[in-house]
Amino acid sequence: MDPFVEELDADEHYCDACEKLRDPDECVYYCKQDNLIVEIKCVITEVLYSLKGARGT
């Protein structure tokens, strides 16, 4: 688990983007303001979609 991110329910770790179980030993993106924990692979996927215009934006 990322030493800078403390989760209240440490028994199960979910990615807030894909809502799938995630490996607690993998690096994550954490937004303290929104209390959001997202796997890096999900962040990269979303950025690539945005750059390619795949999301229509």
PDB file of N, CA and C in Angstrom:
ATOM      1  N   MET A   1       0.844  -1.189   0.000  1.00  0.00           N
ATOM      2  CA  MET A   1       0.000   0.000   0.000  1.00  0.00           C
ATOM      3  C   MET A   1       0.880   1.240   0.000  1.00  0.00           C
ATOM      4  N   ASP A   2       0.447   2.237  -0.692  1.00  0.00           N
ATOM      5  CA  ASP A   2       1.163   3.502  -0.719  1.00  0.00           C
ATOM      6  C   ASP A   2       1.238   4.031   0.715  1.00  0.00           C
ATOM      7  N   PRO A   3       2.432   4.308   1.227  1.00  0.00           N
ATOM      8  CA  PRO A   3       2.548   4.750   2.618  1.00  0.00           C
ATOM      9  C   PRO A   3       1.881   6.085   2.894  1.00  0.00           C
ATOM     10  N   PHE A   4       1.558   6.852   1.855  1.00  0.00           N
ATOM     11  CA  PHE A   4       0.935   8.155   2.050  1.00  0.00           C
ATOM     12  C   PHE A   4      -0.583   8.096   2.009  1.00  0.00           C
ATOM     13  N   VAL A   5      -1.131   6.915   1.694  1.00  0.00           N
ATOM     14  CA  VAL A   5      -2.579   6.764   1.594  1.00  0.00           C
ATOM     15  C   VAL A   5      -3.046   5.777   2.648  1.00  0.00           C
ATOM     16  N   GLU A   6      -3.892   6.236   3.536  1.00  0.00           N
ATOM     17  CA  GLU A   6      -4.451   5.352   4.545  1.00  0.00           C
ATOM     18  C   GLU A   6      -5.927   5.166   4.259  1.00  0.00           C
ATOM     19  N   GLU A   7      -6.332   3.916   4.091  1.00  0.00           N
ATOM     20  CA  GLU A   7      -7.733   3.641   3.831  1.00  0.00           C
ATOM     21  C   GLU A   7      -8.396   3.150   5.107  1.00  0.00           C
ATOM     22  N   LEU A   8      -9.640   3.541   5.295  1.00  0.00           N
ATOM     23  CA  LEU A   8     -10.355   3.138   6.494  1.00  0.00           C
ATOM     24  C   LEU A   8     -10.607   1.641   6.520  1.00  0.00           C
ATOM     25  N   ASP A   9     -11.051   1.070   5.400  1.00  0.00           N
ATOM     26  CA  ASP A   9     -11.319  -0.356   5.311  1.00  0.00           C
ATOM     27  C   ASP A   9     -10.142  -1.010   4.601  1.00  0.00           C
ATOM     28  N   ALA A  10      -9.146  -1.413   5.366  1.00  0.00           N
ATOM     29  CA  ALA A  10      -7.913  -1.921   4.774  1.00  0.00           C
ATOM     30  C   ALA A  10      -8.010  -3.375   4.323  1.00  0.00           C
ATOM     31  N   ASP A  11      -9.148  -4.038   4.541  1.00  0.00           N
ATOM     32  CA  ASP A  11      -9.290  -5.435   4.135  1.00  0.00           C
ATOM     33  C   ASP A  11      -9.463  -5.578   2.632  1.00  0.00           C
ATOM     34  N   GLU A  12     -10.125  -4.641   1.998  1.00  0.00           N
ATOM     35  CA  GLU A  12     -10.358  -4.687   0.564  1.00  0.00           C
ATOM     36  C   GLU A  12      -9.989  -3.341  -0.046  1.00  0.00           C
ATOM     37  N   HIS A  13      -9.313  -3.387  -1.172  1.00  0.00           N
ATOM     38  CA  HIS A  13      -8.852  -2.172  -1.840  1.00  0.00           C
ATOM     39  C   HIS A  13      -9.464  -2.114  -3.229  1.00  0.00           C
ATOM     40  N   TYR A  14     -10.212  -1.063  -3.504  1.00  0.00           N
ATOM     41  CA  TYR A  14     -10.866  -0.898  -4.795  1.00  0.00           C
ATOM     42  C   TYR A  14     -10.354   0.351  -5.492  1.00  0.00           C
ATOM     43  N   CYS A  15     -10.319   0.285  -6.811  1.00  0.00           N
ATOM     44  CA  CYS A  15     -10.013   1.449  -7.632  1.00  0.00           C
ATOM     45  C   CYS A  15     -11.316   2.224  -7.807  1.00  0.00           C
ATOM     46  N   ASP A  16     -11.310   3.511  -7.517  1.00  0.00           N
ATOM     47  CA  ASP A  16     -12.526   4.312  -7.637  1.00  0.00           C
ATOM     48  C   ASP A  16     -12.902   4.603  -9.088  1.00  0.00           C
ATOM     49  N   ALA A  17     -11.993   4.361 -10.035  1.00  0.00           N
ATOM     50  CA  ALA A  17     -12.305   4.586 -11.448  1.00  0.00           C
ATOM     51  C   ALA A  17     -12.997   3.369 -12.059  1.00  0.00           C
ATOM     52  N   CYS A  18     -12.376   2.195 -11.945  1.00  0.00           N
ATOM     53  CA  CYS A  18     -12.940   0.992 -12.575  1.00  0.00           C
ATOM     54  C   CYS A  18     -13.772   0.160 -11.597  1.00  0.00           C
ATOM     55  N   GLU A  19     -13.687   0.487 -10.310  1.00  0.00           N
ATOM     56  CA  GLU A  19     -14.436  -0.179  -9.246  1.00  0.00           C
ATOM     57  C   GLU A  19     -14.121  -1.666  -9.124  1.00  0.00           C
ATOM     58  N   LYS A  20     -12.900  -2.038  -9.501  1.00  0.00           N
ATOM     59  CA  LYS A  20     -12.449  -3.421  -9.354  1.00  0.00           C
ATOM     60  C   LYS A  20     -11.457  -3.490  -8.205  1.00  0.00           C
ATOM     61  N   LEU A  21     -11.315  -4.698  -7.636  1.00  0.00           N
ATOM     62  CA  LEU A  21     -10.307  -4.883  -6.600  1.00  0.00           C
ATOM     63  C   LEU A  21      -8.940  -4.532  -7.169  1.00  0.00           C
ATOM     64  N   ARG A  22      -8.116  -3.895  -6.354  1.00  0.00           N
ATOM     65  CA  ARG A  22      -6.779  -3.533  -6.803  1.00  0.00           C
ATOM     66  C   ARG A  22      -5.744  -4.084  -5.836  1.00  0.00           C
ATOM     67  N   ASP A  23      -4.536  -4.195  -6.323  1.00  0.00           N
ATOM     68  CA  ASP A  23      -3.414  -4.670  -5.520  1.00  0.00           C
ATOM     69  C   ASP A  23      -2.968  -3.534  -4.600  1.00  0.00           C
ATOM     70  N   PRO A  24      -3.029  -3.723  -3.282  1.00  0.00           N
ATOM     71  CA  PRO A  24      -2.658  -2.649  -2.358  1.00  0.00           C
ATOM     72  C   PRO A  24      -1.174  -2.292  -2.408  1.00  0.00           C
ATOM     73  N   ASP A  25      -0.358  -3.136  -3.043  1.00  0.00           N
ATOM     74  CA  ASP A  25       1.074  -2.855  -3.147  1.00  0.00           C
ATOM     75  C   ASP A  25       1.425  -2.043  -4.391  1.00  0.00           C
ATOM     76  N   GLU A  26       0.464  -1.845  -5.281  1.00  0.00           N
ATOM     77  CA  GLU A  26       0.688  -1.064  -6.499  1.00  0.00           C
ATOM     78  C   GLU A  26       0.516   0.427  -6.203  1.00  0.00           C
ATOM     79  N   CYS A  27       1.225   1.248  -6.953  1.00  0.00           N
ATOM     80  CA  CYS A  27       1.105   2.705  -6.807  1.00  0.00           C
ATOM     81  C   CYS A  27      -0.287   3.164  -7.228  1.00  0.00           C
ATOM     82  N   VAL A  28      -0.759   4.215  -6.596  1.00  0.00           N
ATOM     83  CA  VAL A  28      -2.079   4.759  -6.905  1.00  0.00           C
ATOM     84  C   VAL A  28      -2.001   6.274  -7.036  1.00  0.00           C
ATOM     85  N   TYR A  29      -3.021   6.840  -7.692  1.00  0.00           N
ATOM     86  CA  TYR A  29      -3.234   8.286  -7.699  1.00  0.00           C
ATOM     87  C   TYR A  29      -4.232   8.557  -6.583  1.00  0.00           C
ATOM     88  N   TYR A  30      -3.925   9.500  -5.708  1.00  0.00           N
ATOM     89  CA  TYR A  30      -4.810   9.816  -4.591  1.00  0.00           C
ATOM     90  C   TYR A  30      -5.141  11.297  -4.601  1.00  0.00           C
ATOM     91  N   CYS A  31      -6.426  11.618  -4.569  1.00  0.00           N
ATOM     92  CA  CYS A  31      -6.883  12.995  -4.476  1.00  0.00           C
ATOM     93  C   CYS A  31      -7.510  13.174  -3.095  1.00  0.00           C
ATOM     94  N   LYS A  32      -6.823  13.882  -2.232  1.00  0.00           N
ATOM     95  CA  LYS A  32      -7.301  14.086  -0.867  1.00  0.00           C
ATOM     96  C   LYS A  32      -8.605  14.874  -0.848  1.00  0.00           C
ATOM     97  N   GLN A  33      -8.716  15.881  -1.710  1.00  0.00           N
ATOM     98  CA  GLN A  33      -9.904  16.734  -1.755  1.00  0.00           C
ATOM     99  C   GLN A  33     -11.166  15.925  -2.059  1.00  0.00           C
ATOM    100  N   ASP A  34     -11.065  14.999  -3.010  1.00  0.00           N
ATOM    101  CA  ASP A  34     -12.226  14.200  -3.419  1.00  0.00           C
ATOM    102  C   ASP A  34     -12.248  12.814  -2.788  1.00  0.00           C
ATOM    103  N   ASN A  35     -11.243  12.493  -1.955  1.00  0.00           N
ATOM    104  CA  ASN A  35     -11.114  11.175  -1.341  1.00  0.00           C
ATOM    105  C   ASN A  35     -11.206  10.084  -2.409  1.00  0.00           C
ATOM    106  N   LEU A  36     -10.369  10.221  -3.418  1.00  0.00           N
ATOM    107  CA  LEU A  36     -10.391   9.362  -4.593  1.00  0.00           C
ATOM    108  C   LEU A  36      -9.072   8.605  -4.697  1.00  0.00           C
ATOM    109  N   ILE A  37      -9.158   7.282  -4.839  1.00  0.00           N
ATOM    110  CA  ILE A  37      -7.975   6.453  -5.019  1.00  0.00           C
ATOM    111  C   ILE A  37      -8.143   5.689  -6.322  1.00  0.00           C
ATOM    112  N   VAL A  38      -7.216   5.921  -7.263  1.00  0.00           N
ATOM    113  CA  VAL A  38      -7.326   5.337  -8.597  1.00  0.00           C
ATOM    114  C   VAL A  38      -6.005   4.668  -8.972  1.00  0.00           C
ATOM    115  N   GLU A  39      -6.100   3.473  -9.557  1.00  0.00           N
ATOM    116  CA  GLU A  39      -4.910   2.786 -10.037  1.00  0.00           C
ATOM    117  C   GLU A  39      -4.248   3.619 -11.130  1.00  0.00           C
ATOM    118  N   ILE A  40      -2.931   3.600 -11.172  1.00  0.00           N
ATOM    119  CA  ILE A  40      -2.190   4.362 -12.178  1.00  0.00           C
ATOM    120  C   ILE A  40      -2.599   3.943 -13.583  1.00  0.00           C
ATOM    121  N   LYS A  41      -2.815   2.636 -13.807  1.00  0.00           N
ATOM    122  CA  LYS A  41      -3.194   2.184 -15.154  1.00  0.00           C
ATOM    123  C   LYS A  41      -4.527   2.788 -15.586  1.00  0.00           C
ATOM    124  N   CYS A  42      -5.437   3.023 -14.660  1.00  0.00           N
ATOM    125  CA  CYS A  42      -6.720   3.651 -14.999  1.00  0.00           C
ATOM    126  C   CYS A  42      -6.530   5.128 -15.333  1.00  0.00           C
ATOM    127  N   VAL A  43      -5.641   5.795 -14.601  1.00  0.00           N
ATOM    128  CA  VAL A  43      -5.353   7.203 -14.881  1.00  0.00           C
ATOM    129  C   VAL A  43      -4.743   7.332 -16.273  1.00  0.00           C
ATOM    130  N   ILE A  44      -3.766   6.491 -16.575  1.00  0.00           N
ATOM    131  CA  ILE A  44      -3.101   6.542 -17.881  1.00  0.00           C
ATOM    132  C   ILE A  44      -4.096   6.266 -18.997  1.00  0.00           C
ATOM    133  N   THR A  45      -4.963   5.288 -18.812  1.00  0.00           N
ATOM    134  CA  THR A  45      -5.977   4.963 -19.818  1.00  0.00           C
ATOM    135  C   THR A  45      -6.872   6.163 -20.093  1.00  0.00           C
ATOM    136  N   GLU A  46      -7.331   6.840 -19.053  1.00  0.00           N
ATOM    137  CA  GLU A  46      -8.204   8.000 -19.223  1.00  0.00           C
ATOM    138  C   GLU A  46      -7.480   9.152 -19.920  1.00  0.00           C
ATOM    139  N   VAL A  47      -6.223   9.361 -19.579  1.00  0.00           N
ATOM    140  CA  VAL A  47      -5.447  10.427 -20.224  1.00  0.00           C
ATOM    141  C   VAL A  47      -5.270  10.121 -21.706  1.00  0.00           C
ATOM    142  N   LEU A  48      -4.943   8.875 -22.044  1.00  0.00           N
ATOM    143  CA  LEU A  48      -4.775   8.496 -23.448  1.00  0.00           C
ATOM    144  C   LEU A  48      -6.072   8.671 -24.227  1.00  0.00           C
ATOM    145  N   TYR A  49      -7.209   8.279 -23.640  1.00  0.00           N
ATOM    146  CA  TYR A  49      -8.503   8.475 -24.297  1.00  0.00           C
ATOM    147  C   TYR A  49      -8.743   9.960 -24.566  1.00  0.00           C
ATOM    148  N   SER A  50      -8.429  10.794 -23.591  1.00  0.00           N
ATOM    149  CA  SER A  50      -8.636  12.236 -23.753  1.00  0.00           C
ATOM    150  C   SER A  50      -7.743  12.809 -24.851  1.00  0.00           C
ATOM    151  N   LEU A  51      -6.499  12.376 -24.889  1.00  0.00           N
ATOM    152  CA  LEU A  51      -5.566  12.869 -25.906  1.00  0.00           C
ATOM    153  C   LEU A  51      -5.978  12.441 -27.310  1.00  0.00           C
ATOM    154  N   LYS A  52      -6.552  11.246 -27.418  1.00  0.00           N
ATOM    155  CA  LYS A  52      -6.982  10.732 -28.720  1.00  0.00           C
ATOM    156  C   LYS A  52      -8.368  11.224 -29.104  1.00  0.00           C
ATOM    157  N   GLY A  53      -9.087  11.815 -28.145  1.00  0.00           N
ATOM    158  CA  GLY A  53     -10.444  12.275 -28.409  1.00  0.00           C
ATOM    159  C   GLY A  53     -11.454  11.145 -28.420  1.00  0.00           C
ATOM    160  N   ALA A  54     -11.101  10.008 -27.852  1.00  0.00           N
ATOM    161  CA  ALA A  54     -11.971   8.834 -27.859  1.00  0.00           C
ATOM    162  C   ALA A  54     -13.216   9.025 -26.997  1.00  0.00           C
ATOM    163  N   ARG A  55     -13.183   9.958 -26.091  1.00  0.00           N
ATOM    164  CA  ARG A  55     -14.333  10.193 -25.212  1.00  0.00           C
ATOM    165  C   ARG A  55     -15.266  11.254 -25.779  1.00  0.00           C
ATOM    166  N   GLY A  56     -14.941  11.778 -26.941  1.00  0.00           N
ATOM    167  CA  GLY A  56     -15.802  12.773 -27.570  1.00  0.00           C
ATOM    168  C   GLY A  56     -15.647  14.171 -27.013  1.00  0.00           C
ATOM    169  N   THR A  57     -14.566  14.400 -26.264  1.00  0.00           N
ATOM    170  CA  THR A  57     -14.345  15.735 -25.700  1.00  0.00           C
ATOM    171  C   THR A  57     -13.150  16.399 -26.321  1.00  0.00           C
TER     172      THR A  57
END
